[in-house]
Amino acid sequence: MTEILYCQSPALFLLAVVLLICFFLRRQAHRVRAALDLILCILLLIGGVVLYYLGMYGDCFTIHDFWQIRTSGWVGLGVVAAGSVWHLCKVCKRGVERRRTERAARQTEEAHRQALESARREAYEAGKADAAKERQPSPSAPDVSAPEISPAPADAVSPERAAAPAADAPQSSTGGTGQAL
């Protein structure tokens, strides 16, 4: 059992490389996750080196054949590779879904903006048509504008004014207008 564990150092190195790539990809967008990736990468590298030395110390392999990957090492590499590919597919699927959602949101927003613009344009045209109707007199309705008043001649006196005494005429004590009788 310990020999299987000692042979997993190549898998740990591969996983450290994958996490280092994740660190470089995430360092701008997700700083905390990127820092965790880097810390785990360093720990996996240290763990891989420790497993190599423990494998040589436990006589699982010697310094002359430590570069040979044993069967259990290949299984570990396969598990790490399969897990990395699965995670990469999951990340790509999430990215595609996010872009699809953003595109649908942009299309919905654009359709909403176009609907608002067309409604605004229709309201403007309707307002222009109403204003044009108000300016043009309708041929069936009589003209209700105020009649023109012509100036009266200066010597013409209106009948009401002729019957009433002049307000500025001098009045006599008998109540007359001061005209001779």
Protein backbone atom coordinates (compact mmCIF):
# COMPACT_ATOMS: atom_id res chain seq x y z
CA MET A 1 0.00 0.00 0.00
CA THR A 2 2.79 2.40 0.78
CA GLU A 3 4.38 1.63 -2.58
CA ILE A 4 1.19 2.85 -4.32
CA LEU A 5 1.31 6.05 -2.30
CA TYR A 6 4.98 6.64 -3.02
CA CYS A 7 4.40 6.25 -6.75
CA GLN A 8 1.87 9.07 -6.81
CA SER A 9 4.48 11.82 -6.94
CA PRO A 10 4.19 12.22 -10.77
CA ALA A 11 0.45 12.74 -10.33
CA LEU A 12 1.13 15.36 -7.66
CA PHE A 13 3.54 17.15 -10.01
CA LEU A 14 0.97 17.11 -12.80
CA LEU A 15 -1.70 18.45 -10.45
CA ALA A 16 0.72 21.18 -9.31
CA VAL A 17 1.27 22.20 -12.94
CA VAL A 18 -2.52 22.33 -13.54
CA LEU A 19 -2.98 24.50 -10.43
CA LEU A 20 -0.15 26.78 -11.54
CA ILE A 21 -1.95 27.28 -14.87
CA CYS A 22 -5.18 27.98 -12.95
CA PHE A 23 -3.31 30.54 -10.85
CA PHE A 24 -2.18 32.44 -13.95
CA LEU A 25 -5.67 32.34 -15.45
CA ARG A 26 -7.46 33.45 -12.28
CA ARG A 27 -5.06 35.99 -10.82
CA GLN A 28 -6.87 39.08 -12.21
CA ALA A 29 -10.51 38.06 -11.77
CA HIS A 30 -10.46 35.94 -8.59
CA ARG A 31 -7.48 36.93 -6.48
CA VAL A 32 -8.37 34.85 -3.41
CA ARG A 33 -8.95 31.68 -5.43
CA ALA A 34 -5.76 32.34 -7.38
CA ALA A 35 -3.81 32.66 -4.12
CA LEU A 36 -5.32 29.38 -2.90
CA ASP A 37 -4.33 27.73 -6.19
CA LEU A 38 -0.76 28.94 -5.77
CA ILE A 39 -0.54 27.78 -2.15
CA LEU A 40 -1.94 24.35 -3.07
CA CYS A 41 0.47 24.16 -6.01
CA ILE A 42 3.43 24.78 -3.71
CA LEU A 43 2.15 22.20 -1.20
CA LEU A 44 1.70 19.61 -3.96
CA LEU A 45 5.24 20.21 -5.24
CA ILE A 46 6.62 19.76 -1.74
CA GLY A 47 4.46 16.64 -1.30
CA GLY A 48 5.74 15.18 -4.59
CA VAL A 49 9.35 15.68 -3.57
CA VAL A 50 8.68 14.21 -0.13
CA LEU A 51 6.99 11.15 -1.71
CA TYR A 52 9.99 10.61 -3.99
CA TYR A 53 12.38 10.67 -1.06
CA LEU A 54 10.11 8.43 1.04
CA GLY A 55 9.85 6.01 -1.90
CA MET A 56 13.65 5.84 -2.17
CA TYR A 57 13.97 5.56 1.61
CA GLY A 58 11.39 2.74 1.69
CA ASP A 59 13.22 0.82 -1.10
CA CYS A 60 10.27 1.12 -3.52
CA PHE A 61 12.68 2.44 -6.12
CA THR A 62 16.28 3.50 -6.28
CA ILE A 63 18.00 6.61 -7.49
CA HIS A 64 18.78 4.85 -10.77
CA ASP A 65 15.18 4.00 -11.63
CA PHE A 66 13.16 6.73 -9.86
CA TRP A 67 12.33 8.36 -13.18
CA GLN A 68 10.41 5.24 -14.27
CA ILE A 69 6.68 5.60 -13.64
CA ARG A 70 5.18 2.49 -12.08
CA THR A 71 1.68 1.20 -12.85
CA SER A 72 0.16 2.85 -9.80
CA GLY A 73 1.83 6.08 -10.87
CA TRP A 74 0.19 5.82 -14.29
CA VAL A 75 -3.19 5.28 -12.61
CA GLY A 76 -2.63 8.38 -10.51
CA LEU A 77 -1.64 10.37 -13.61
CA GLY A 78 -4.77 9.11 -15.39
CA VAL A 79 -6.99 10.18 -12.51
CA VAL A 80 -5.42 13.65 -12.41
CA ALA A 81 -5.66 14.01 -16.22
CA ALA A 82 -9.31 12.86 -16.26
CA GLY A 83 -10.18 15.20 -13.39
CA SER A 84 -8.43 18.09 -15.12
CA VAL A 85 -10.24 17.45 -18.40
CA TRP A 86 -13.58 17.15 -16.57
CA HIS A 87 -12.95 20.44 -14.75
CA LEU A 88 -11.89 22.14 -18.00
CA CYS A 89 -15.10 20.96 -19.71
CA LYS A 90 -17.17 22.23 -16.77
CA VAL A 91 -15.46 25.64 -16.90
CA CYS A 92 -15.95 25.87 -20.67
CA LYS A 93 -19.63 24.93 -20.34
CA ARG A 94 -20.12 27.62 -17.69
CA GLY A 95 -18.42 30.18 -19.94
CA VAL A 96 -20.61 29.26 -22.89
CA GLU A 97 -23.77 29.48 -20.75
CA ARG A 98 -22.67 32.85 -19.36
CA ARG A 99 -22.02 34.25 -22.85
CA ARG A 100 -25.34 32.85 -24.07
CA THR A 101 -27.16 34.47 -21.15
CA GLU A 102 -25.38 37.80 -21.74
CA ARG A 103 -26.25 37.67 -25.44
CA ALA A 104 -29.92 36.94 -24.65
CA ALA A 105 -29.96 39.81 -22.15
CA ARG A 106 -28.42 42.16 -24.74
CA GLN A 107 -30.98 41.08 -27.33
CA THR A 108 -33.84 41.57 -24.86
CA GLU A 109 -32.52 44.99 -23.90
CA GLU A 110 -32.11 45.95 -27.55
CA ALA A 111 -35.67 44.81 -28.34
CA HIS A 112 -36.96 46.81 -25.36
CA ARG A 113 -35.01 49.86 -26.47
CA GLN A 114 -36.36 49.53 -30.02
CA ALA A 115 -39.92 49.16 -28.68
CA LEU A 116 -39.50 52.32 -26.60
CA GLU A 117 -38.05 54.17 -29.57
CA SER A 118 -40.91 53.12 -31.86
CA ALA A 119 -43.49 54.08 -29.20
CA ARG A 120 -41.77 57.45 -28.80
CA ARG A 121 -41.75 57.92 -32.57
CA GLU A 122 -45.45 56.97 -32.86
CA ALA A 123 -46.38 59.38 -30.06
CA TYR A 124 -44.40 62.13 -31.77
CA GLU A 125 -46.13 61.48 -35.08
CA ALA A 126 -49.55 61.39 -33.38
CA GLY A 127 -48.79 64.69 -31.66
CA LYS A 128 -47.75 66.24 -34.95
CA ALA A 129 -50.96 65.01 -36.60
CA ASP A 130 -53.10 66.43 -33.75
CA ALA A 131 -51.30 69.77 -33.97
CA ALA A 132 -51.83 69.86 -37.73
CA LYS A 133 -55.56 69.14 -37.26
CA GLU A 134 -55.90 72.01 -34.80
CA ARG A 135 -54.23 74.44 -37.20
CA GLN A 136 -56.41 73.58 -40.16
CA PRO A 137 -60.07 74.72 -39.94
CA SER A 138 -62.54 72.03 -40.80
CA PRO A 139 -64.65 72.81 -43.90
CA SER A 140 -67.97 71.68 -42.35
CA ALA A 141 -67.74 73.75 -39.18
CA PRO A 142 -68.60 77.47 -39.38
CA ASP A 143 -65.94 79.98 -38.56
CA VAL A 144 -66.39 80.92 -34.92
CA SER A 145 -63.74 83.56 -34.84
CA ALA A 146 -64.63 87.02 -33.53
CA PRO A 147 -66.34 89.29 -36.10
CA GLU A 148 -64.34 92.21 -37.30
CA ILE A 149 -65.43 95.54 -35.86
CA SER A 150 -65.24 98.42 -38.27
CA PRO A 151 -64.51 101.82 -36.83
CA ALA A 152 -67.58 104.07 -36.60
CA PRO A 153 -67.50 107.49 -38.28
CA ALA A 154 -66.72 110.33 -35.93
CA ASP A 155 -70.02 112.22 -36.50
CA ALA A 156 -72.26 109.15 -36.16
CA VAL A 157 -73.92 108.72 -32.82
CA SER A 158 -75.28 105.44 -31.63
CA PRO A 159 -79.00 105.31 -30.74
CA GLU A 160 -78.29 104.61 -27.06
CA ARG A 161 -76.01 107.54 -26.87
CA ALA A 162 -78.51 109.90 -28.56
CA ALA A 163 -81.25 109.06 -26.03
CA ALA A 164 -79.04 109.47 -22.98
CA PRO A 165 -77.87 112.91 -21.96
CA ALA A 166 -74.26 113.66 -22.43
CA ALA A 167 -72.29 113.09 -19.30
CA ASP A 168 -69.98 116.00 -19.93
CA ALA A 169 -72.75 118.51 -20.82
CA PRO A 170 -73.43 121.28 -18.20
CA GLN A 171 -76.64 120.71 -16.27
CA SER A 172 -79.04 123.42 -15.10
CA SER A 173 -80.69 123.64 -11.74
CA THR A 174 -83.95 122.38 -13.19
CA GLY A 175 -82.33 119.15 -14.21
CA GLY A 176 -81.97 120.00 -17.86
CA THR A 177 -78.96 119.79 -19.93
CA GLY A 178 -78.42 123.41 -20.38
CA GLN A 179 -79.95 123.69 -23.80
CA ALA A 180 -82.20 126.58 -24.56
CA LEU A 181 -85.86 125.91 -24.65
